[in-house]
PDB file of all heavy atoms in Angstrom:
ATOM      1  N   GLU A   1       0.833  -1.202   0.000  1.00  0.00           N
ATOM      2  CA  GLU A   1       0.000   0.000   0.000  1.00  0.00           C
ATOM      3  C   GLU A   1       0.872   1.258   0.000  1.00  0.00           C
ATOM      4  O   GLU A   1       2.004   1.255   0.495  1.00  0.00           O
ATOM      5  CB  GLU A   1      -0.914   0.036   1.224  1.00  0.00           C
ATOM      6  CG  GLU A   1      -2.105  -0.900   1.108  1.00  0.00           C
ATOM      7  CD  GLU A   1      -3.155  -0.594   2.167  1.00  0.00           C
ATOM      8  OE1 GLU A   1      -2.798  -0.013   3.214  1.00  0.00           O
ATOM      9  OE2 GLU A   1      -4.306  -0.958   1.936  1.00  0.00           O
ATOM     10  N   VAL A   2       0.294   2.324  -0.555  1.00  0.00           N
ATOM     11  CA  VAL A   2       0.983   3.616  -0.608  1.00  0.00           C
ATOM     12  C   VAL A   2       0.067   4.700  -0.048  1.00  0.00           C
ATOM     13  O   VAL A   2      -1.098   4.806  -0.441  1.00  0.00           O
ATOM     14  CB  VAL A   2       1.387   3.987  -2.046  1.00  0.00           C
ATOM     15  CG1 VAL A   2       2.078   5.354  -2.073  1.00  0.00           C
ATOM     16  CG2 VAL A   2       2.291   2.921  -2.651  1.00  0.00           C
ATOM     17  N   TRP A   3       0.613   5.480   0.870  1.00  0.00           N
ATOM     18  CA  TRP A   3      -0.092   6.647   1.410  1.00  0.00           C
ATOM     19  C   TRP A   3       0.709   7.903   1.095  1.00  0.00           C
ATOM     20  O   TRP A   3       1.917   7.939   1.330  1.00  0.00           O
ATOM     21  CB  TRP A   3      -0.257   6.533   2.925  1.00  0.00           C
ATOM     22  CG  TRP A   3      -1.397   5.667   3.358  1.00  0.00           C
ATOM     23  CD1 TRP A   3      -1.390   4.307   3.508  1.00  0.00           C
ATOM     24  CD2 TRP A   3      -2.714   6.102   3.726  1.00  0.00           C
ATOM     25  NE1 TRP A   3      -2.615   3.866   3.949  1.00  0.00           N
ATOM     26  CE2 TRP A   3      -3.449   4.948   4.089  1.00  0.00           C
ATOM     27  CE3 TRP A   3      -3.330   7.343   3.784  1.00  0.00           C
ATOM     28  CZ2 TRP A   3      -4.774   5.007   4.499  1.00  0.00           C
ATOM     29  CZ3 TRP A   3      -4.659   7.403   4.203  1.00  0.00           C
ATOM     30  CH2 TRP A   3      -5.364   6.249   4.548  1.00  0.00           C
ATOM     31  N   LEU A   4       0.024   8.916   0.572  1.00  0.00           N
ATOM     32  CA  LEU A   4       0.608  10.246   0.439  1.00  0.00           C
ATOM     33  C   LEU A   4       0.213  11.010   1.697  1.00  0.00           C
ATOM     34  O   LEU A   4      -0.978  11.263   1.921  1.00  0.00           O
ATOM     35  CB  LEU A   4       0.090  10.957  -0.808  1.00  0.00           C
ATOM     36  CG  LEU A   4       0.173  10.177  -2.130  1.00  0.00           C
ATOM     37  CD1 LEU A   4      -0.285  11.067  -3.281  1.00  0.00           C
ATOM     38  CD2 LEU A   4       1.573   9.667  -2.377  1.00  0.00           C
ATOM     39  N   VAL A   5       1.182  11.362   2.510  1.00  0.00           N
ATOM     40  CA  VAL A   5       0.924  11.903   3.847  1.00  0.00           C
ATOM     41  C   VAL A   5       1.396  13.350   3.942  1.00  0.00           C
ATOM     42  O   VAL A   5       2.529  13.678   3.565  1.00  0.00           O
ATOM     43  CB  VAL A   5       1.635  11.044   4.920  1.00  0.00           C
ATOM     44  CG1 VAL A   5       1.480  11.661   6.307  1.00  0.00           C
ATOM     45  CG2 VAL A   5       1.079   9.620   4.914  1.00  0.00           C
ATOM     46  N   GLY A   6       0.537  14.204   4.480  1.00  0.00           N
ATOM     47  CA  GLY A   6       0.896  15.594   4.705  1.00  0.00           C
ATOM     48  C   GLY A   6       1.653  15.761   6.007  1.00  0.00           C
ATOM     49  O   GLY A   6       1.157  15.382   7.076  1.00  0.00           O
ATOM     50  N   ALA A   7       2.857  16.325   5.915  1.00  0.00           N
ATOM     51  CA  ALA A   7       3.682  16.528   7.105  1.00  0.00           C
ATOM     52  C   ALA A   7       3.364  17.837   7.811  1.00  0.00           C
ATOM     53  O   ALA A   7       3.937  18.140   8.853  1.00  0.00           O
ATOM     54  CB  ALA A   7       5.164  16.501   6.719  1.00  0.00           C
ATOM     55  N   GLY A   8       2.455  18.636   7.228  1.00  0.00           N
ATOM     56  CA  GLY A   8       2.173  19.936   7.822  1.00  0.00           C
ATOM     57  C   GLY A   8       3.307  20.918   7.579  1.00  0.00           C
ATOM     58  O   GLY A   8       4.230  20.654   6.805  1.00  0.00           O
ATOM     59  N   PRO A   9       3.297  22.066   8.268  1.00  0.00           N
ATOM     60  CA  PRO A   9       4.270  23.119   8.003  1.00  0.00           C
ATOM     61  C   PRO A   9       5.649  22.894   8.617  1.00  0.00           C
ATOM     62  O   PRO A   9       6.572  23.654   8.346  1.00  0.00           O
ATOM     63  CB  PRO A   9       3.607  24.361   8.605  1.00  0.00           C
ATOM     64  CG  PRO A   9       2.782  23.800   9.727  1.00  0.00           C
ATOM     65  CD  PRO A   9       2.269  22.482   9.236  1.00  0.00           C
ATOM     66  N   GLY A  10       5.808  21.885   9.470  1.00  0.00           N
ATOM     67  CA  GLY A  10       7.130  21.620  10.044  1.00  0.00           C
ATOM     68  C   GLY A  10       7.124  21.272  11.507  1.00  0.00           C
ATOM     69  O   GLY A  10       7.878  20.405  11.951  1.00  0.00           O
ATOM     70  N   ASP A  11       6.287  21.925  12.287  1.00  0.00           N
ATOM     71  CA  ASP A  11       6.188  21.650  13.714  1.00  0.00           C
ATOM     72  C   ASP A  11       5.555  20.272  13.902  1.00  0.00           C
ATOM     73  O   ASP A  11       4.417  20.040  13.465  1.00  0.00           O
ATOM     74  CB  ASP A  11       5.320  22.727  14.367  1.00  0.00           C
ATOM     75  CG  ASP A  11       5.169  22.536  15.873  1.00  0.00           C
ATOM     76  OD1 ASP A  11       5.621  21.497  16.406  1.00  0.00           O
ATOM     77  OD2 ASP A  11       4.593  23.435  16.519  1.00  0.00           O
ATOM     78  N   PRO A  12       6.239  19.334  14.559  1.00  0.00           N
ATOM     79  CA  PRO A  12       5.664  17.988  14.722  1.00  0.00           C
ATOM     80  C   PRO A  12       4.368  17.987  15.518  1.00  0.00           C
ATOM     81  O   PRO A  12       3.552  17.078  15.363  1.00  0.00           O
ATOM     82  CB  PRO A  12       6.771  17.215  15.448  1.00  0.00           C
ATOM     83  CG  PRO A  12       7.648  18.247  16.066  1.00  0.00           C
ATOM     84  CD  PRO A  12       7.587  19.427  15.149  1.00  0.00           C
ATOM     85  N   ASP A  13       4.141  18.992  16.343  1.00  0.00           N
ATOM     86  CA  ASP A  13       2.897  19.065  17.103  1.00  0.00           C
ATOM     87  C   ASP A  13       1.694  19.357  16.204  1.00  0.00           C
ATOM     88  O   ASP A  13       0.542  19.186  16.628  1.00  0.00           O
ATOM     89  CB  ASP A  13       2.984  20.144  18.185  1.00  0.00           C
ATOM     90  CG  ASP A  13       3.849  19.720  19.361  1.00  0.00           C
ATOM     91  OD1 ASP A  13       4.099  18.505  19.495  1.00  0.00           O
ATOM     92  OD2 ASP A  13       4.290  20.589  20.120  1.00  0.00           O
ATOM     93  N   LEU A  14       1.950  19.803  14.980  1.00  0.00           N
ATOM     94  CA  LEU A  14       0.866  20.079  14.034  1.00  0.00           C
ATOM     95  C   LEU A  14       0.606  18.913  13.098  1.00  0.00           C
ATOM     96  O   LEU A  14      -0.242  19.003  12.210  1.00  0.00           O
ATOM     97  CB  LEU A  14       1.178  21.343  13.225  1.00  0.00           C
ATOM     98  CG  LEU A  14       1.262  22.639  14.035  1.00  0.00           C
ATOM     99  CD1 LEU A  14       1.580  23.822  13.130  1.00  0.00           C
ATOM    100  CD2 LEU A  14      -0.040  22.886  14.786  1.00  0.00           C
ATOM    101  N   LEU A  15       1.322  17.822  13.280  1.00  0.00           N
ATOM    102  CA  LEU A  15       1.084  16.609  12.508  1.00  0.00           C
ATOM    103  C   LEU A  15      -0.212  15.955  12.992  1.00  0.00           C
ATOM    104  O   LEU A  15      -0.502  15.944  14.186  1.00  0.00           O
ATOM    105  CB  LEU A  15       2.252  15.649  12.708  1.00  0.00           C
ATOM    106  CG  LEU A  15       2.414  14.475  11.749  1.00  0.00           C
ATOM    107  CD1 LEU A  15       2.812  14.976  10.367  1.00  0.00           C
ATOM    108  CD2 LEU A  15       3.478  13.514  12.269  1.00  0.00           C
ATOM    109  N   THR A  16      -1.016  15.419  12.076  1.00  0.00           N
ATOM    110  CA  THR A  16      -2.238  14.745  12.505  1.00  0.00           C
ATOM    111  C   THR A  16      -1.897  13.405  13.161  1.00  0.00           C
ATOM    112  O   THR A  16      -0.844  12.815  12.916  1.00  0.00           O
ATOM    113  CB  THR A  16      -3.190  14.481  11.327  1.00  0.00           C
ATOM    114  OG1 THR A  16      -2.599  13.521  10.439  1.00  0.00           O
ATOM    115  CG2 THR A  16      -3.491  15.767  10.564  1.00  0.00           C
ATOM    116  N   ARG A  17      -2.795  12.932  14.009  1.00  0.00           N
ATOM    117  CA  ARG A  17      -2.591  11.645  14.674  1.00  0.00           C
ATOM    118  C   ARG A  17      -2.531  10.520  13.648  1.00  0.00           C
ATOM    119  O   ARG A  17      -1.773   9.562  13.792  1.00  0.00           O
ATOM    120  CB  ARG A  17      -3.718  11.410  15.681  1.00  0.00           C
ATOM    121  CG  ARG A  17      -3.697  12.387  16.860  1.00  0.00           C
ATOM    122  CD  ARG A  17      -4.875  12.190  17.772  1.00  0.00           C
ATOM    123  NE  ARG A  17      -4.859  10.858  18.389  1.00  0.00           N
ATOM    124  CZ  ARG A  17      -5.859  10.387  19.125  1.00  0.00           C
ATOM    125  NH1 ARG A  17      -6.941  11.131  19.332  1.00  0.00           N
ATOM    126  NH2 ARG A  17      -5.772   9.192  19.660  1.00  0.00           N
ATOM    127  N   LYS A  18      -3.342  10.628  12.604  1.00  0.00           N
ATOM    128  CA  LYS A  18      -3.335   9.611  11.563  1.00  0.00           C
ATOM    129  C   LYS A  18      -2.001   9.584  10.841  1.00  0.00           C
ATOM    130  O   LYS A  18      -1.453   8.513  10.560  1.00  0.00           O
ATOM    131  CB  LYS A  18      -4.466   9.864  10.574  1.00  0.00           C
ATOM    132  CG  LYS A  18      -4.580   8.814   9.477  1.00  0.00           C
ATOM    133  CD  LYS A  18      -5.840   9.033   8.672  1.00  0.00           C
ATOM    134  CE  LYS A  18      -6.031   7.937   7.641  1.00  0.00           C
ATOM    135  NZ  LYS A  18      -7.312   8.061   6.932  1.00  0.00           N
ATOM    136  N   ALA A  19      -1.467  10.771  10.527  1.00  0.00           N
ATOM    137  CA  ALA A  19      -0.173  10.836   9.843  1.00  0.00           C
ATOM    138  C   ALA A  19       0.915  10.199  10.689  1.00  0.00           C
ATOM    139  O   ALA A  19       1.759   9.444  10.178  1.00  0.00           O
ATOM    140  CB  ALA A  19       0.178  12.290   9.537  1.00  0.00           C
ATOM    141  N   GLU A  20       0.903  10.474  11.989  1.00  0.00           N
ATOM    142  CA  GLU A  20       1.927   9.896  12.863  1.00  0.00           C
ATOM    143  C   GLU A  20       1.813   8.377  12.915  1.00  0.00           C
ATOM    144  O   GLU A  20       2.828   7.665  12.887  1.00  0.00           O
ATOM    145  CB  GLU A  20       1.814  10.482  14.267  1.00  0.00           C
ATOM    146  CG  GLU A  20       2.913   9.990  15.199  1.00  0.00           C
ATOM    147  CD  GLU A  20       2.928  10.703  16.544  1.00  0.00           C
ATOM    148  OE1 GLU A  20       2.092  11.606  16.753  1.00  0.00           O
ATOM    149  OE2 GLU A  20       3.786  10.354  17.383  1.00  0.00           O
ATOM    150  N   ARG A  21       0.572   7.866  12.949  1.00  0.00           N
ATOM    151  CA  ARG A  21       0.400   6.416  12.976  1.00  0.00           C
ATOM    152  C   ARG A  21       0.915   5.779  11.680  1.00  0.00           C
ATOM    153  O   ARG A  21       1.563   4.723  11.702  1.00  0.00           O
ATOM    154  CB  ARG A  21      -1.068   6.063  13.176  1.00  0.00           C
ATOM    155  CG  ARG A  21      -1.285   4.579  13.454  1.00  0.00           C
ATOM    156  CD  ARG A  21      -2.739   4.219  13.625  1.00  0.00           C
ATOM    157  NE  ARG A  21      -3.466   4.268  12.372  1.00  0.00           N
ATOM    158  CZ  ARG A  21      -4.370   5.182  12.063  1.00  0.00           C
ATOM    159  NH1 ARG A  21      -4.657   6.145  12.917  1.00  0.00           N
ATOM    160  NH2 ARG A  21      -4.996   5.147  10.917  1.00  0.00           N
ATOM    161  N   LEU A  22       0.652   6.406  10.544  1.00  0.00           N
ATOM    162  CA  LEU A  22       1.123   5.867   9.270  1.00  0.00           C
ATOM    163  C   LEU A  22       2.649   5.864   9.202  1.00  0.00           C
ATOM    164  O   LEU A  22       3.253   4.924   8.688  1.00  0.00           O
ATOM    165  CB  LEU A  22       0.533   6.682   8.116  1.00  0.00           C
ATOM    166  CG  LEU A  22      -0.969   6.503   7.879  1.00  0.00           C
ATOM    167  CD1 LEU A  22      -1.483   7.565   6.906  1.00  0.00           C
ATOM    168  CD2 LEU A  22      -1.282   5.112   7.371  1.00  0.00           C
ATOM    169  N   LEU A  23       3.266   6.911   9.733  1.00  0.00           N
ATOM    170  CA  LEU A  23       4.727   6.963   9.743  1.00  0.00           C
ATOM    171  C   LEU A  23       5.316   5.850  10.601  1.00  0.00           C
ATOM    172  O   LEU A  23       6.387   5.305  10.292  1.00  0.00           O
ATOM    173  CB  LEU A  23       5.209   8.324  10.255  1.00  0.00           C
ATOM    174  CG  LEU A  23       4.953   9.517   9.336  1.00  0.00           C
ATOM    175  CD1 LEU A  23       5.342  10.811  10.030  1.00  0.00           C
ATOM    176  CD2 LEU A  23       5.708   9.376   8.031  1.00  0.00           C
ATOM    177  N   ARG A  24       4.629   5.500  11.672  1.00  0.00           N
ATOM    178  CA  ARG A  24       5.148   4.468  12.573  1.00  0.00           C
ATOM    179  C   ARG A  24       4.930   3.053  12.027  1.00  0.00           C
ATOM    180  O   ARG A  24       5.618   2.117  12.440  1.00  0.00           O
ATOM    181  CB  ARG A  24       4.495   4.598  13.951  1.00  0.00           C
ATOM    182  CG  ARG A  24       4.894   5.874  14.692  1.00  0.00           C
ATOM    183  CD  ARG A  24       4.364   5.873  16.109  1.00  0.00           C
ATOM    184  NE  ARG A  24       4.675   7.104  16.817  1.00  0.00           N
ATOM    185  CZ  ARG A  24       5.851   7.380  17.380  1.00  0.00           C
ATOM    186  NH1 ARG A  24       6.827   6.500  17.303  1.00  0.00           N
ATOM    187  NH2 ARG A  24       6.049   8.523  18.003  1.00  0.00           N
ATOM    188  N   THR A  25       3.971   2.897  11.109  1.00  0.00           N
ATOM    189  CA  THR A  25       3.692   1.562  10.564  1.00  0.00           C
ATOM    190  C   THR A  25       4.292   1.356   9.176  1.00  0.00           C
ATOM    191  O   THR A  25       4.217   0.246   8.643  1.00  0.00           O
ATOM    192  CB  THR A  25       2.176   1.312  10.504  1.00  0.00           C
ATOM    193  OG1 THR A  25       1.558   2.339   9.724  1.00  0.00           O
ATOM    194  CG2 THR A  25       1.576   1.304  11.902  1.00  0.00           C
ATOM    195  N   ALA A  26       4.898   2.391   8.606  1.00  0.00           N
ATOM    196  CA  ALA A  26       5.506   2.262   7.282  1.00  0.00           C
ATOM    197  C   ALA A  26       6.784   1.422   7.358  1.00  0.00           C
ATOM    198  O   ALA A  26       7.406   1.285   8.425  1.00  0.00           O
ATOM    199  CB  ALA A  26       5.832   3.641   6.719  1.00  0.00           C
ATOM    200  N   SER A  27       7.175   0.869   6.219  1.00  0.00           N
ATOM    201  CA  SER A  27       8.492   0.221   6.126  1.00  0.00           C
ATOM    202  C   SER A  27       9.481   1.112   5.390  1.00  0.00           C
ATOM    203  O   SER A  27      10.689   0.972   5.551  1.00  0.00           O
ATOM    204  CB  SER A  27       8.383  -1.139   5.430  1.00  0.00           C
ATOM    205  OG  SER A  27       7.919  -0.999   4.095  1.00  0.00           O
ATOM    206  N   VAL A  28       8.958   2.060   4.584  1.00  0.00           N
ATOM    207  CA  VAL A  28       9.823   3.008   3.890  1.00  0.00           C
ATOM    208  C   VAL A  28       9.087   4.341   3.761  1.00  0.00           C
ATOM    209  O   VAL A  28       7.875   4.370   3.542  1.00  0.00           O
ATOM    210  CB  VAL A  28      10.243   2.478   2.500  1.00  0.00           C
ATOM    211  CG1 VAL A  28       9.033   2.234   1.592  1.00  0.00           C
ATOM    212  CG2 VAL A  28      11.224   3.427   1.813  1.00  0.00           C
ATOM    213  N   VAL A  29       9.818   5.426   3.945  1.00  0.00           N
ATOM    214  CA  VAL A  29       9.256   6.773   3.825  1.00  0.00           C
ATOM    215  C   VAL A  29      10.104   7.567   2.827  1.00  0.00           C
ATOM    216  O   VAL A  29      11.310   7.747   3.033  1.00  0.00           O
ATOM    217  CB  VAL A  29       9.229   7.507   5.182  1.00  0.00           C
ATOM    218  CG1 VAL A  29       8.792   8.969   4.997  1.00  0.00           C
ATOM    219  CG2 VAL A  29       8.310   6.795   6.160  1.00  0.00           C
ATOM    220  N   PHE A  30       9.467   8.029   1.773  1.00  0.00           N
ATOM    221  CA  PHE A  30      10.109   8.916   0.803  1.00  0.00           C
ATOM    222  C   PHE A  30       9.698  10.338   1.175  1.00  0.00           C
ATOM    223  O   PHE A  30       8.516  10.681   1.105  1.00  0.00           O
ATOM    224  CB  PHE A  30       9.649   8.591  -0.615  1.00  0.00           C
ATOM    225  CG  PHE A  30      10.021   7.200  -1.080  1.00  0.00           C
ATOM    226  CD1 PHE A  30       9.154   6.135  -0.885  1.00  0.00           C
ATOM    227  CD2 PHE A  30      11.238   6.964  -1.698  1.00  0.00           C
ATOM    228  CE1 PHE A  30       9.496   4.854  -1.302  1.00  0.00           C
ATOM    229  CE2 PHE A  30      11.588   5.688  -2.121  1.00  0.00           C
ATOM    230  CZ  PHE A  30      10.713   4.632  -1.921  1.00  0.00           C
ATOM    231  N   TYR A  31      10.654  11.181   1.574  1.00  0.00           N
ATOM    232  CA  TYR A  31      10.292  12.471   2.153  1.00  0.00           C
ATOM    233  C   TYR A  31      10.870  13.657   1.386  1.00  0.00           C
ATOM    234  O   TYR A  31      11.939  13.587   0.796  1.00  0.00           O
ATOM    235  CB  TYR A  31      10.703  12.552   3.619  1.00  0.00           C
ATOM    236  CG  TYR A  31      12.197  12.548   3.879  1.00  0.00           C
ATOM    237  CD1 TYR A  31      12.902  13.740   4.035  1.00  0.00           C
ATOM    238  CD2 TYR A  31      12.902  11.354   3.984  1.00  0.00           C
ATOM    239  CE1 TYR A  31      14.267  13.742   4.279  1.00  0.00           C
ATOM    240  CE2 TYR A  31      14.262  11.346   4.231  1.00  0.00           C
ATOM    241  CZ  TYR A  31      14.937  12.545   4.373  1.00  0.00           C
ATOM    242  OH  TYR A  31      16.299  12.546   4.614  1.00  0.00           O
ATOM    243  N   ASP A  32      10.116  14.760   1.439  1.00  0.00           N
ATOM    244  CA  ASP A  32      10.502  16.006   0.777  1.00  0.00           C
ATOM    245  C   ASP A  32      11.492  16.811   1.612  1.00  0.00           C
ATOM    246  O   ASP A  32      11.593  16.635   2.831  1.00  0.00           O
ATOM    247  CB  ASP A  32       9.263  16.875   0.527  1.00  0.00           C
ATOM    248  CG  ASP A  32       8.465  16.442  -0.698  1.00  0.00           C
ATOM    249  OD1 ASP A  32       8.999  15.652  -1.496  1.00  0.00           O
ATOM    250  OD2 ASP A  32       7.317  16.900  -0.841  1.00  0.00           O
ATOM    251  N   ALA A  33      12.159  17.753   0.944  1.00  0.00           N
ATOM    252  CA  ALA A  33      13.137  18.606   1.616  1.00  0.00           C
ATOM    253  C   ALA A  33      12.481  19.528   2.638  1.00  0.00           C
ATOM    254  O   ALA A  33      13.126  19.942   3.604  1.00  0.00           O
ATOM    255  CB  ALA A  33      13.902  19.435   0.581  1.00  0.00           C
ATOM    256  N   LEU A  34      11.213  19.865   2.444  1.00  0.00           N
ATOM    257  CA  LEU A  34      10.547  20.807   3.334  1.00  0.00           C
ATOM    258  C   LEU A  34       9.929  20.141   4.565  1.00  0.00           C
ATOM    259  O   LEU A  34       9.331  20.816   5.396  1.00  0.00           O
ATOM    260  CB  LEU A  34       9.462  21.578   2.572  1.00  0.00           C
ATOM    261  CG  LEU A  34       9.969  22.540   1.487  1.00  0.00           C
ATOM    262  CD1 LEU A  34       8.795  23.234   0.809  1.00  0.00           C
ATOM    263  CD2 LEU A  34      10.922  23.573   2.084  1.00  0.00           C
ATOM    264  N   VAL A  35      10.061  18.836   4.686  1.00  0.00           N
ATOM    265  CA  VAL A  35       9.543  18.157   5.868  1.00  0.00           C
ATOM    266  C   VAL A  35      10.418  18.514   7.073  1.00  0.00           C
ATOM    267  O   VAL A  35      11.644  18.407   7.033  1.00  0.00           O
ATOM    268  CB  VAL A  35       9.524  16.630   5.665  1.00  0.00           C
ATOM    269  CG1 VAL A  35       9.147  15.917   6.958  1.00  0.00           C
ATOM    270  CG2 VAL A  35       8.552  16.263   4.550  1.00  0.00           C
TER     271      VAL A  35
END
C-alpha cells in the first residue's frame, strides 16, 4: 500500500494523529526537503 501523507508546516505538534500512525507503521518513507 501507498499513502501520500501531509507533514504539515514543520512543527511535529501540528502533525495529525493519523499521519503519525502511518509513519510508525511504514516500512519506507520517501520524504521532501521541506519536511
